[in-house]
Amino acid sequence: MASSSLPDTTEWKADSDLLVSRKHAADSEDSAQTPAAGVLGRELKTLARESSHYMAGLLGNVAVGFVSFPIFTRLLSISEYGLMDLGQRLLLMLTIASKLGLQNASLRFYNRKEFSTDPAAGRNYYSTLFFGMLGSSCSIVVLCLLVVSLLPKTSTFGPLATLIYLILGLVVLRAMGAILWGFLRIEERTKTFNVITVATRATTVAAVCALLPWMGRSAHTYFTGVVSVETILVLVLSAWLLQRGVLNPSHFKFDLFRAAIAYGTPLVLYEFAFAVLGSADRFLVRHYVGADALGFYSVAYGLANNVNEMLVSPLGLALIPIYMRIWASDGAEKTSAFVSTSFNIFIMAAAGVLAAIAATGHSIVVLLASAKYAGADRLIPVILAGLLVYGANVFVAAGLLIHKRTSQMSGLLVIAAALNIALNCLLLPRMGLMGGAIATLLSYLTCILSLAWASNRILPLHTDVKTCMKYVGSAAFAWVIVSRFTFGSAIFDLLAKSALVFSVYLIALYIVDSRTRDSFKQALHWIQTQC
């Protein structure tokens, strides 16, 4: 669960699509220039292998999240859980500012062939980015400490004043972690990357639980445990680089650092806008509705985000490399056809998932968060709808990603983030928490429509609106029908309703959609041929 266990990888999500698109665009250009079929085949095998590793890591993190989420929601009070989530939002934005996009530059300036023949160039690369990140993150922390010394902490950081020193310590750790993770990824140490990621999350949960009896059930205890684990992580990975002999302050190159800053800084606006779009509502909920309300909202958002991640993250890992290669080898028309077809399938899947979550929301909250958060289930479908809408960016913004129009994407995200803040200020005092959920949905919808409009001018996306309406209508029908039933315990209710929703949804689609009928007949024919 994104809001319940650390290290929180949210700060990597905003730029991950951009990193993947740039890497595979370069790979595609190289492949297009190299006619040997063996090269392409080898690359595709590498892609499949590494994607499977990242998928395994994602599933491991989700599993840890399912364990940690009910632990923290039960052990912490509603207000302390909301404060913990609020601290993570502030940490996210400060971390983005401290990184200056250097984690993006780690991809751009890595040259395996050159480093193998010229070890000094490799030492320059690692030392410059490592110590550059250390310097930039410490500078942001010093700036914040100056603000704390000049202004009262309570007026500057509000309810987070008692946590500010822990959060600032985590800013440095997260920034250093970002560049260290980047080194693992660019060296294609995918197994190591995923094992350490999952182990760190699991260890963090254990450390926090161990500290709770001694320090009390509070957000302060939570962040203390996180700082302890992530300090060890950064020290171990840094020692690994030192042992390899690639870290030395004397190998820091200002020219390379300036080039890395010039490359990475334009993406900071994109990352920061993404963070504000997904985090500003927490601060406004706390301000307008109160501490306990923030706890309810954080639980609803965390549950919705976890469902969204399970559906959207694998698509991002798999889809972007595929359509980058199709674009490089077969051109715009086939790329457009592939993305359009994939988008229609995504809408069909997303509609069914949303219907199932809407029907089972109460059982999910009781099972994973406890009965004290009853009522938060009303927010989950609205928030999840917004997150799924934004998840479509991997499809509708394909043209912008392919042509590297990151500045244009950043501008549209800034507009959506400003709209999110304005809508929250307008709706929260009048509608309470549901106003925050609606603001999330409307701002994400505005963002995705603007991205689609801009991208469609470069790479047209052909969406069958009539078929999509059938998906939405069938999902709504399934939700209305199944929501009328109740099945005993929370776990049984969750399983029974989920199965019923998908059954009713597929039956309804079979009746109203010819494509579904054709697909069912093809699947049935394939099964018969295999038997």
Protein backbone atom coordinates (compact mmCIF):
# COMPACT_ATOMS: atom_id res chain seq x y z
CA MET A 1 0.00 0.00 0.00
CA ALA A 2 1.55 3.21 -1.11
CA SER A 3 0.51 5.16 1.89
CA SER A 4 1.46 2.63 4.47
CA SER A 5 4.89 1.25 3.88
CA LEU A 6 8.23 2.75 3.02
CA PRO A 7 10.42 3.25 1.11
CA ASP A 8 7.69 4.95 -0.86
CA THR A 9 8.53 4.79 -4.55
CA THR A 10 6.00 7.44 -5.50
CA GLU A 11 8.75 9.93 -6.38
CA TRP A 12 9.96 7.56 -9.11
CA LYS A 13 6.57 7.15 -10.80
CA ALA A 14 6.41 10.59 -12.36
CA ASP A 15 9.58 10.15 -14.36
CA SER A 16 9.56 6.36 -14.91
CA ASP A 17 7.55 6.55 -18.14
CA LEU A 18 9.86 9.26 -19.43
CA LEU A 19 12.95 7.22 -18.56
CA VAL A 20 11.57 4.07 -20.18
CA SER A 21 10.48 5.96 -23.29
CA ARG A 22 13.87 7.64 -23.74
CA LYS A 23 15.82 4.44 -23.18
CA HIS A 24 13.77 2.35 -25.56
CA ALA A 25 13.55 5.11 -28.14
CA ALA A 26 17.35 5.08 -28.24
CA ASP A 27 17.38 1.28 -28.35
CA SER A 28 14.87 1.35 -31.19
CA GLU A 29 16.97 3.76 -33.20
CA ASP A 30 20.02 1.55 -32.72
CA SER A 31 18.05 -1.53 -33.73
CA ALA A 32 16.71 0.21 -36.81
CA GLN A 33 20.25 1.01 -37.86
CA THR A 34 21.41 -2.59 -37.25
CA PRO A 35 19.81 -4.98 -39.74
CA ALA A 36 20.91 -8.15 -37.94
CA ALA A 37 17.82 -9.98 -36.71
CA GLY A 38 19.86 -11.53 -33.91
CA VAL A 39 20.42 -8.16 -32.26
CA LEU A 40 16.71 -7.41 -32.09
CA GLY A 41 15.94 -10.90 -30.85
CA ARG A 42 18.53 -10.58 -28.11
CA GLU A 43 17.13 -7.19 -27.04
CA LEU A 44 13.59 -8.54 -26.92
CA LYS A 45 14.72 -11.44 -24.75
CA THR A 46 16.48 -8.99 -22.44
CA LEU A 47 13.36 -6.85 -22.31
CA ALA A 48 11.18 -9.83 -21.46
CA ARG A 49 13.60 -11.04 -18.78
CA GLU A 50 13.99 -7.65 -17.09
CA SER A 51 10.27 -6.89 -17.27
CA SER A 52 9.55 -10.19 -15.53
CA HIS A 53 12.01 -9.25 -12.78
CA TYR A 54 10.34 -5.88 -12.24
CA MET A 55 6.94 -7.57 -12.25
CA ALA A 56 8.13 -9.94 -9.53
CA GLY A 57 9.37 -6.97 -7.52
CA LEU A 58 6.04 -5.20 -7.97
CA LEU A 59 4.15 -8.24 -6.71
CA GLY A 60 6.51 -8.52 -3.76
CA ASN A 61 5.95 -4.87 -2.82
CA VAL A 62 2.18 -5.32 -3.14
CA ALA A 63 2.37 -8.37 -0.86
CA VAL A 64 4.30 -6.39 1.77
CA GLY A 65 1.77 -3.60 1.40
CA PHE A 66 -1.11 -5.96 2.08
CA VAL A 67 0.64 -7.00 5.30
CA SER A 68 1.67 -3.52 6.46
CA PHE A 69 -1.53 -1.66 5.62
CA PRO A 70 -3.82 -3.43 8.13
CA ILE A 71 -1.05 -3.32 10.74
CA PHE A 72 -0.59 0.45 10.63
CA THR A 73 -4.28 1.32 10.23
CA ARG A 74 -5.04 -0.72 13.35
CA LEU A 75 -2.08 0.29 15.49
CA LEU A 76 -2.18 4.01 14.73
CA SER A 77 -5.07 6.28 15.54
CA ILE A 78 -7.02 7.77 12.65
CA SER A 79 -5.39 11.18 13.11
CA GLU A 80 -1.87 9.75 13.45
CA TYR A 81 -2.34 7.67 10.29
CA GLY A 82 -3.40 10.81 8.44
CA LEU A 83 -0.38 12.67 9.83
CA MET A 84 1.90 9.87 8.62
CA ASP A 85 0.46 10.17 5.11
CA LEU A 86 0.76 13.97 5.22
CA GLY A 87 4.43 13.64 6.14
CA GLN A 88 5.00 11.37 3.18
CA ARG A 89 3.49 13.99 0.86
CA LEU A 90 5.83 16.71 2.16
CA LEU A 91 8.76 14.28 1.95
CA LEU A 92 7.87 13.50 -1.65
CA MET A 93 7.90 17.14 -2.77
CA LEU A 94 11.09 18.03 -0.92
CA THR A 95 12.82 14.95 -2.34
CA ILE A 96 11.89 15.88 -5.90
CA ALA A 97 13.33 19.36 -5.37
CA SER A 98 16.52 17.94 -3.85
CA LYS A 99 17.23 15.49 -6.70
CA LEU A 100 17.36 18.16 -9.45
CA GLY A 101 16.63 15.42 -11.98
CA LEU A 102 20.04 13.79 -11.48
CA GLN A 103 18.47 10.33 -11.30
CA ASN A 104 17.29 10.90 -14.89
CA ALA A 105 20.78 11.91 -15.96
CA SER A 106 22.12 8.60 -14.63
CA LEU A 107 20.47 6.96 -17.65
CA ARG A 108 21.54 9.52 -20.20
CA PHE A 109 25.26 9.61 -19.33
CA TYR A 110 25.87 5.92 -18.72
CA ASN A 111 28.10 4.32 -21.37
CA ARG A 112 28.91 0.67 -20.70
CA LYS A 113 31.25 0.31 -23.68
CA GLU A 114 33.28 3.41 -22.80
CA PHE A 115 33.46 2.57 -19.10
CA SER A 116 34.74 -0.95 -19.83
CA THR A 117 37.64 0.41 -21.87
CA ASP A 118 38.24 3.56 -19.81
CA PRO A 119 37.74 2.91 -16.06
CA ALA A 120 38.54 6.56 -15.28
CA ALA A 121 35.48 7.66 -17.25
CA GLY A 122 33.38 5.28 -15.18
CA ARG A 123 34.76 6.68 -11.93
CA ASN A 124 33.98 10.19 -13.17
CA TYR A 125 30.40 9.16 -13.93
CA TYR A 126 29.67 7.48 -10.58
CA SER A 127 31.52 10.03 -8.45
CA THR A 128 29.98 13.06 -10.14
CA LEU A 129 26.41 11.85 -9.88
CA PHE A 130 26.81 10.41 -6.36
CA PHE A 131 28.47 13.43 -4.78
CA GLY A 132 26.40 15.81 -6.89
CA MET A 133 23.22 14.25 -5.49
CA LEU A 134 24.63 14.40 -1.99
CA GLY A 135 25.42 18.09 -2.42
CA SER A 136 22.06 19.03 -3.95
CA SER A 137 20.03 17.18 -1.30
CA CYS A 138 22.06 18.63 1.57
CA SER A 139 21.62 22.12 0.10
CA ILE A 140 17.83 21.75 0.13
CA VAL A 141 17.93 20.49 3.71
CA VAL A 142 20.14 23.41 4.82
CA LEU A 143 17.73 25.82 3.13
CA CYS A 144 14.81 24.27 5.01
CA LEU A 145 16.73 24.44 8.28
CA LEU A 146 17.34 28.13 7.70
CA VAL A 147 13.60 28.62 7.23
CA VAL A 148 12.97 26.69 10.46
CA SER A 149 15.47 28.85 12.34
CA LEU A 150 14.04 32.12 11.03
CA LEU A 151 10.33 31.27 11.30
CA PRO A 152 8.37 29.33 13.92
CA LYS A 153 8.15 25.66 12.94
CA THR A 154 4.44 25.49 13.73
CA SER A 155 3.60 28.32 11.33
CA THR A 156 5.88 26.98 8.57
CA PHE A 157 5.12 23.26 8.68
CA GLY A 158 1.91 23.20 10.69
CA PRO A 159 1.01 19.74 12.07
CA LEU A 160 4.28 18.31 10.69
CA ALA A 161 6.45 20.57 12.88
CA THR A 162 7.31 17.75 15.30
CA LEU A 163 8.36 15.52 12.42
CA ILE A 164 10.33 18.02 10.37
CA TYR A 165 13.83 16.91 11.37
CA LEU A 166 13.06 13.27 10.60
CA ILE A 167 11.53 14.27 7.27
CA LEU A 168 14.56 16.39 6.35
CA GLY A 169 16.86 13.51 7.20
CA LEU A 170 14.77 11.30 4.92
CA VAL A 171 15.07 13.86 2.13
CA VAL A 172 18.82 13.21 1.93
CA LEU A 173 18.35 9.46 2.27
CA ARG A 174 15.67 9.34 -0.43
CA ALA A 175 17.72 11.45 -2.82
CA MET A 176 20.78 9.27 -2.32
CA GLY A 177 18.60 6.19 -2.62
CA ALA A 178 17.27 7.45 -5.95
CA ILE A 179 20.73 7.71 -7.49
CA LEU A 180 21.84 4.38 -5.99
CA TRP A 181 18.70 2.66 -7.34
CA GLY A 182 19.44 4.35 -10.64
CA PHE A 183 22.90 2.76 -10.76
CA LEU A 184 21.39 -0.68 -10.15
CA ARG A 185 18.80 -0.18 -12.87
CA ILE A 186 21.19 1.18 -15.51
CA GLU A 187 23.60 -1.70 -14.83
CA GLU A 188 20.59 -4.02 -15.41
CA ARG A 189 20.93 -5.60 -11.97
CA THR A 190 17.18 -6.14 -11.95
CA LYS A 191 17.17 -9.12 -9.58
CA THR A 192 19.29 -7.26 -7.03
CA PHE A 193 17.14 -4.15 -7.43
CA ASN A 194 13.91 -6.01 -6.73
CA VAL A 195 15.24 -8.17 -3.92
CA ILE A 196 16.61 -5.13 -2.07
CA THR A 197 13.43 -3.12 -2.69
CA VAL A 198 11.15 -5.80 -1.27
CA ALA A 199 13.54 -6.60 1.60
CA THR A 200 13.78 -2.92 2.52
CA ARG A 201 10.01 -2.54 2.65
CA ALA A 202 9.60 -5.67 4.75
CA THR A 203 12.42 -4.63 7.11
CA THR A 204 10.87 -1.19 7.49
CA VAL A 205 7.57 -2.69 8.58
CA ALA A 206 9.37 -4.91 11.09
CA ALA A 207 11.46 -2.01 12.43
CA VAL A 208 8.44 0.24 12.94
CA CYS A 209 6.51 -2.53 14.68
CA ALA A 210 9.52 -3.17 16.95
CA LEU A 211 9.68 0.51 17.92
CA LEU A 212 5.97 0.98 18.61
CA PRO A 213 6.01 -0.53 22.15
CA TRP A 214 8.98 1.67 23.09
CA MET A 215 8.11 4.98 21.41
CA GLY A 216 4.34 4.82 21.24
CA ARG A 217 1.82 4.50 18.44
CA SER A 218 2.54 7.67 16.52
CA ALA A 219 3.72 8.99 13.19
CA HIS A 220 6.98 9.98 14.92
CA THR A 221 7.69 6.30 15.64
CA TYR A 222 6.90 5.42 12.06
CA PHE A 223 9.34 7.90 10.56
CA THR A 224 12.01 6.95 13.11
CA GLY A 225 11.82 3.36 11.90
CA VAL A 226 11.97 4.45 8.27
CA VAL A 227 15.04 6.63 8.87
CA SER A 228 16.82 3.75 10.62
CA VAL A 229 16.27 1.25 7.82
CA GLU A 230 16.98 3.62 4.95
CA THR A 231 20.18 4.87 6.60
CA ILE A 232 21.47 1.30 6.64
CA LEU A 233 20.38 0.79 3.03
CA VAL A 234 22.19 3.88 1.75
CA LEU A 235 25.33 3.05 3.72
CA VAL A 236 25.42 -0.55 2.40
CA LEU A 237 24.92 0.46 -1.25
CA SER A 238 27.47 3.28 -0.90
CA ALA A 239 29.97 0.84 0.62
CA TRP A 240 29.38 -1.47 -2.36
CA LEU A 241 30.34 1.34 -4.73
CA LEU A 242 33.36 2.24 -2.61
CA GLN A 243 34.50 -1.37 -2.67
CA ARG A 244 34.32 -1.29 -6.48
CA GLY A 245 36.58 1.77 -6.44
CA VAL A 246 34.18 3.99 -8.43
CA LEU A 247 33.58 6.63 -5.75
CA ASN A 248 36.18 9.30 -5.10
CA PRO A 249 35.57 13.04 -4.55
CA SER A 250 38.64 13.80 -6.70
CA HIS A 251 36.82 12.31 -9.70
CA PHE A 252 33.94 14.76 -9.41
CA LYS A 253 33.74 16.63 -12.75
CA PHE A 254 31.98 19.99 -12.82
CA ASP A 255 31.45 19.85 -16.58
CA LEU A 256 29.67 16.51 -16.28
CA PHE A 257 27.67 17.77 -13.29
CA ARG A 258 26.53 20.86 -15.20
CA ALA A 259 25.54 18.70 -18.17
CA ALA A 260 23.62 16.33 -15.88
CA ILE A 261 21.79 19.24 -14.24
CA ALA A 262 20.95 20.73 -17.64
CA TYR A 263 19.54 17.40 -18.76
CA GLY A 264 17.60 16.51 -15.62
CA THR A 265 16.29 19.85 -14.39
CA PRO A 266 13.56 20.28 -17.08
CA LEU A 267 11.98 17.05 -15.83
CA VAL A 268 11.82 18.36 -12.24
CA LEU A 269 8.82 20.50 -13.16
CA TYR A 270 7.07 17.40 -14.51
CA GLU A 271 7.83 15.40 -11.38
CA PHE A 272 6.85 18.22 -9.04
CA ALA A 273 3.59 18.91 -10.88
CA PHE A 274 2.80 15.19 -10.70
CA ALA A 275 3.50 15.21 -6.96
CA VAL A 276 1.33 18.27 -6.34
CA LEU A 277 -1.46 16.76 -8.43
CA GLY A 278 -1.45 13.63 -6.26
CA SER A 279 -0.59 15.16 -2.88
CA ALA A 280 -1.97 18.69 -2.48
CA ASP A 281 -5.38 17.37 -1.49
CA ARG A 282 -3.96 15.89 1.76
CA PHE A 283 -2.86 19.30 3.03
CA LEU A 284 -6.18 20.88 2.07
CA VAL A 285 -8.22 18.06 3.63
CA ARG A 286 -6.33 18.56 6.89
CA HIS A 287 -6.91 22.33 6.71
CA TYR A 288 -10.60 22.33 5.78
CA VAL A 289 -11.98 19.12 7.33
CA GLY A 290 -9.58 18.14 10.13
CA ALA A 291 -7.08 15.55 11.34
CA ASP A 292 -9.43 12.54 11.62
CA ALA A 293 -10.93 13.31 8.22
CA LEU A 294 -7.43 13.21 6.74
CA GLY A 295 -6.99 9.72 8.19
CA PHE A 296 -10.18 8.53 6.48
CA TYR A 297 -9.17 10.15 3.21
CA SER A 298 -5.64 8.71 3.36
CA VAL A 299 -6.97 5.18 3.86
CA ALA A 300 -9.41 5.53 0.95
CA TYR A 301 -6.71 6.99 -1.29
CA GLY A 302 -4.19 4.31 -0.27
CA LEU A 303 -6.57 1.45 -1.03
CA ALA A 304 -7.59 2.97 -4.37
CA ASN A 305 -3.98 3.64 -5.31
CA ASN A 306 -2.94 0.08 -4.54
CA VAL A 307 -5.62 -1.31 -6.88
CA ASN A 308 -4.60 1.20 -9.52
CA GLU A 309 -0.93 0.24 -9.23
CA MET A 310 -1.67 -3.46 -9.70
CA LEU A 311 -3.50 -2.71 -12.94
CA VAL A 312 -1.51 0.19 -14.40
CA SER A 313 2.15 -0.43 -13.42
CA PRO A 314 2.55 -3.70 -15.36
CA LEU A 315 1.04 -1.99 -18.41
CA GLY A 316 3.58 0.81 -18.21
CA LEU A 317 6.48 -1.61 -17.98
CA ALA A 318 5.28 -3.70 -20.90
CA LEU A 319 3.49 -1.28 -23.20
CA ILE A 320 5.91 1.62 -23.67
CA PRO A 321 8.86 -0.49 -24.89
CA ILE A 322 6.55 -2.34 -27.31
CA TYR A 323 5.06 0.71 -28.98
CA MET A 324 8.46 2.41 -29.07
CA ARG A 325 9.78 -0.50 -31.12
CA ILE A 326 6.70 -0.60 -33.37
CA TRP A 327 7.06 3.12 -34.03
CA ALA A 328 10.76 2.75 -34.90
CA SER A 329 10.31 -0.29 -37.15
CA ASP A 330 6.81 0.02 -38.64
CA GLY A 331 5.91 3.69 -38.41
CA ALA A 332 3.11 5.82 -37.00
CA GLU A 333 0.11 4.04 -38.52
CA LYS A 334 0.81 0.63 -36.97
CA THR A 335 1.80 2.27 -33.69
CA SER A 336 -1.49 4.14 -33.60
CA ALA A 337 -3.44 0.94 -34.33
CA PHE A 338 -1.61 -0.97 -31.59
CA VAL A 339 -2.06 1.75 -28.96
CA SER A 340 -5.73 2.24 -29.90
CA THR A 341 -6.50 -1.46 -29.54
CA SER A 342 -4.60 -1.67 -26.24
CA PHE A 343 -6.47 1.38 -24.96
CA ASN A 344 -9.85 -0.18 -25.66
CA ILE A 345 -8.79 -3.33 -23.78
CA PHE A 346 -7.58 -1.19 -20.87
CA ILE A 347 -10.96 0.58 -20.66
CA MET A 348 -12.76 -2.77 -20.62
CA ALA A 349 -10.54 -4.07 -17.81
CA ALA A 350 -10.62 -0.80 -15.83
CA ALA A 351 -14.43 -0.62 -15.97
CA GLY A 352 -14.75 -4.15 -14.58
CA VAL A 353 -12.22 -3.53 -11.81
CA LEU A 354 -13.91 -0.26 -10.83
CA ALA A 355 -17.31 -1.99 -10.64
CA ALA A 356 -15.89 -4.74 -8.43
CA ILE A 357 -14.21 -2.27 -6.06
CA ALA A 358 -17.36 -0.13 -5.87
CA ALA A 359 -19.43 -3.18 -4.91
CA THR A 360 -16.94 -4.52 -2.36
CA GLY A 361 -15.56 -1.26 -0.92
CA HIS A 362 -17.04 -1.68 2.55
CA SER A 363 -15.66 -5.21 2.93
CA ILE A 364 -12.23 -4.09 1.68
CA VAL A 365 -12.08 -1.28 4.24
CA VAL A 366 -13.21 -3.50 7.13
CA LEU A 367 -10.85 -6.31 6.12
CA LEU A 368 -7.72 -4.25 5.43
CA ALA A 369 -8.16 -1.10 7.49
CA SER A 370 -10.60 -2.13 10.28
CA ALA A 371 -14.18 -1.13 11.05
CA LYS A 372 -13.10 2.21 12.54
CA TYR A 373 -12.62 3.47 8.95
CA ALA A 374 -16.16 2.49 7.91
CA GLY A 375 -17.45 5.22 5.62
CA ALA A 376 -14.17 5.63 3.78
CA ASP A 377 -15.47 3.07 1.27
CA ARG A 378 -17.74 5.72 -0.29
CA LEU A 379 -14.65 7.63 -1.40
CA ILE A 380 -12.77 4.70 -2.92
CA PRO A 381 -14.68 4.33 -6.24
CA VAL A 382 -14.44 8.07 -6.98
CA ILE A 383 -10.73 8.26 -6.18
CA LEU A 384 -10.02 5.03 -8.05
CA ALA A 385 -11.91 6.34 -11.08
CA GLY A 386 -9.62 9.38 -11.08
CA LEU A 387 -6.48 7.28 -10.74
CA LEU A 388 -7.56 4.92 -13.52
CA VAL A 389 -8.35 7.89 -15.74
CA TYR A 390 -4.83 9.22 -15.20
CA GLY A 391 -3.44 5.71 -15.69
CA ALA A 392 -4.60 6.00 -19.29
CA ASN A 393 -1.79 8.52 -19.92
CA VAL A 394 0.47 5.66 -21.04
CA PHE A 395 -1.94 5.27 -23.99
CA VAL A 396 -3.30 8.72 -24.76
CA ALA A 397 0.06 10.50 -24.36
CA ALA A 398 1.97 8.01 -26.53
CA GLY A 399 2.68 10.64 -29.17
CA LEU A 400 4.16 13.05 -26.63
CA LEU A 401 6.29 10.29 -25.09
CA ILE A 402 7.56 9.09 -28.46
CA HIS A 403 8.51 12.60 -29.57
CA LYS A 404 9.88 13.51 -26.11
CA ARG A 405 7.55 16.49 -25.62
CA THR A 406 8.24 16.49 -21.90
CA SER A 407 8.02 20.28 -21.53
CA GLN A 408 4.53 20.24 -23.00
CA MET A 409 3.53 17.40 -20.69
CA SER A 410 4.92 19.36 -17.74
CA GLY A 411 2.85 22.42 -18.63
CA LEU A 412 -0.36 20.41 -18.84
CA LEU A 413 0.40 18.73 -15.50
CA VAL A 414 0.95 22.13 -13.89
CA ILE A 415 -2.47 23.27 -15.11
CA ALA A 416 -4.11 20.11 -13.77
CA ALA A 417 -2.33 20.51 -10.42
CA ALA A 418 -3.53 24.13 -10.12
CA LEU A 419 -7.06 23.00 -10.96
CA ASN A 420 -6.84 20.29 -8.30
CA ILE A 421 -5.94 22.85 -5.64
CA ALA A 422 -8.70 25.22 -6.76
CA LEU A 423 -11.34 22.48 -6.81
CA ASN A 424 -10.34 21.23 -3.37
CA CYS A 425 -10.57 24.76 -1.96
CA LEU A 426 -14.01 25.08 -3.54
CA LEU A 427 -15.50 21.67 -2.78
CA LEU A 428 -14.00 20.56 0.56
CA PRO A 429 -15.73 23.25 2.69
CA ARG A 430 -19.06 22.49 0.96
CA MET A 431 -19.01 18.72 0.44
CA GLY A 432 -16.46 17.44 2.92
CA LEU A 433 -14.28 14.47 1.95
CA MET A 434 -16.43 13.60 -1.07
CA GLY A 435 -15.53 17.04 -2.42
CA GLY A 436 -11.84 16.09 -2.25
CA ALA A 437 -12.50 12.82 -4.05
CA ILE A 438 -14.49 14.60 -6.78
CA ALA A 439 -11.74 17.20 -7.12
CA THR A 440 -9.24 14.36 -7.67
CA LEU A 441 -11.43 12.81 -10.36
CA LEU A 442 -12.08 16.09 -12.20
CA SER A 443 -8.45 17.23 -12.13
CA TYR A 444 -7.18 13.89 -13.43
CA LEU A 445 -9.87 13.88 -16.10
CA THR A 446 -8.85 17.38 -17.20
CA CYS A 447 -5.21 16.32 -17.27
CA ILE A 448 -5.83 13.23 -19.39
CA LEU A 449 -8.11 15.06 -21.84
CA SER A 450 -5.51 17.79 -22.36
CA LEU A 451 -2.74 15.21 -22.82
CA ALA A 452 -4.92 13.33 -25.30
CA TRP A 453 -5.66 16.50 -27.26
CA ALA A 454 -1.97 17.43 -27.47
CA SER A 455 -0.78 13.90 -28.28
CA ASN A 456 -3.52 13.17 -30.81
CA ARG A 457 -2.14 15.90 -33.07
CA ILE A 458 1.12 13.93 -33.32
CA LEU A 459 -0.10 10.34 -33.12
CA PRO A 460 -3.88 9.89 -33.60
CA LEU A 461 -5.61 7.56 -31.16
CA HIS A 462 -8.71 5.93 -32.63
CA THR A 463 -11.11 5.23 -29.79
CA ASP A 464 -14.41 3.44 -30.38
CA VAL A 465 -16.60 5.64 -28.17
CA LYS A 466 -19.70 3.48 -28.66
CA THR A 467 -17.87 0.34 -27.53
CA CYS A 468 -16.35 2.17 -24.55
CA MET A 469 -19.83 3.28 -23.48
CA LYS A 470 -20.90 -0.37 -23.59
CA TYR A 471 -18.05 -1.20 -21.21
CA VAL A 472 -19.03 1.57 -18.80
CA GLY A 473 -22.74 0.74 -18.99
CA SER A 474 -22.18 -2.98 -18.44
CA ALA A 475 -19.89 -2.27 -15.47
CA ALA A 476 -22.44 0.09 -13.92
CA PHE A 477 -25.15 -2.54 -14.39
CA ALA A 478 -23.02 -5.20 -12.68
CA TRP A 479 -22.28 -2.87 -9.78
CA VAL A 480 -25.94 -1.95 -9.23
CA ILE A 481 -27.09 -5.59 -9.32
CA VAL A 482 -24.39 -7.06 -7.07
CA SER A 483 -24.43 -4.19 -4.53
CA ARG A 484 -27.92 -5.31 -3.47
CA PHE A 485 -26.51 -8.51 -1.92
CA THR A 486 -24.56 -9.12 1.29
CA PHE A 487 -22.58 -12.28 2.00
CA GLY A 488 -21.68 -12.83 5.65
CA SER A 489 -18.11 -12.08 6.72
CA ALA A 490 -15.96 -9.41 5.08
CA ILE A 491 -13.63 -11.88 3.34
CA PHE A 492 -16.50 -14.00 1.99
CA ASP A 493 -18.43 -10.89 0.95
CA LEU A 494 -15.36 -9.61 -0.90
CA LEU A 495 -14.74 -12.86 -2.77
CA ALA A 496 -18.39 -13.57 -3.58
CA LYS A 497 -19.21 -10.06 -4.78
CA SER A 498 -16.03 -9.81 -6.86
CA ALA A 499 -16.85 -13.06 -8.63
CA LEU A 500 -20.45 -11.99 -9.19
CA VAL A 501 -19.50 -8.55 -10.51
CA PHE A 502 -17.13 -9.96 -13.11
CA SER A 503 -19.62 -12.65 -14.08
CA VAL A 504 -22.48 -10.19 -14.56
CA TYR A 505 -20.15 -7.77 -16.33
CA LEU A 506 -18.95 -10.37 -18.84
CA ILE A 507 -22.47 -11.68 -19.45
CA ALA A 508 -23.71 -8.13 -20.09
CA LEU A 509 -20.82 -7.48 -22.47
CA TYR A 510 -21.52 -10.75 -24.29
CA ILE A 511 -25.09 -9.60 -24.86
CA VAL A 512 -24.40 -6.03 -26.03
CA ASP A 513 -20.93 -6.22 -27.65
CA SER A 514 -20.16 -8.22 -30.79
CA ARG A 515 -16.39 -8.03 -30.14
CA THR A 516 -16.83 -9.77 -26.82
CA ARG A 517 -18.90 -12.49 -28.46
CA ASP A 518 -16.25 -12.99 -31.15
CA SER A 519 -13.47 -13.14 -28.56
CA PHE A 520 -15.42 -15.66 -26.50
CA LYS A 521 -15.96 -17.87 -29.54
CA GLN A 522 -12.27 -17.69 -30.45
CA ALA A 523 -11.25 -18.57 -26.88
CA LEU A 524 -13.71 -21.48 -26.84
CA HIS A 525 -12.39 -22.74 -30.17
CA TRP A 526 -8.80 -22.53 -28.90
CA ILE A 527 -9.71 -24.51 -25.77
CA GLN A 528 -11.41 -27.18 -27.87
CA THR A 529 -8.36 -27.51 -30.11
CA GLN A 530 -6.11 -27.93 -27.07
CA CYS A 531 -8.23 -30.68 -25.53
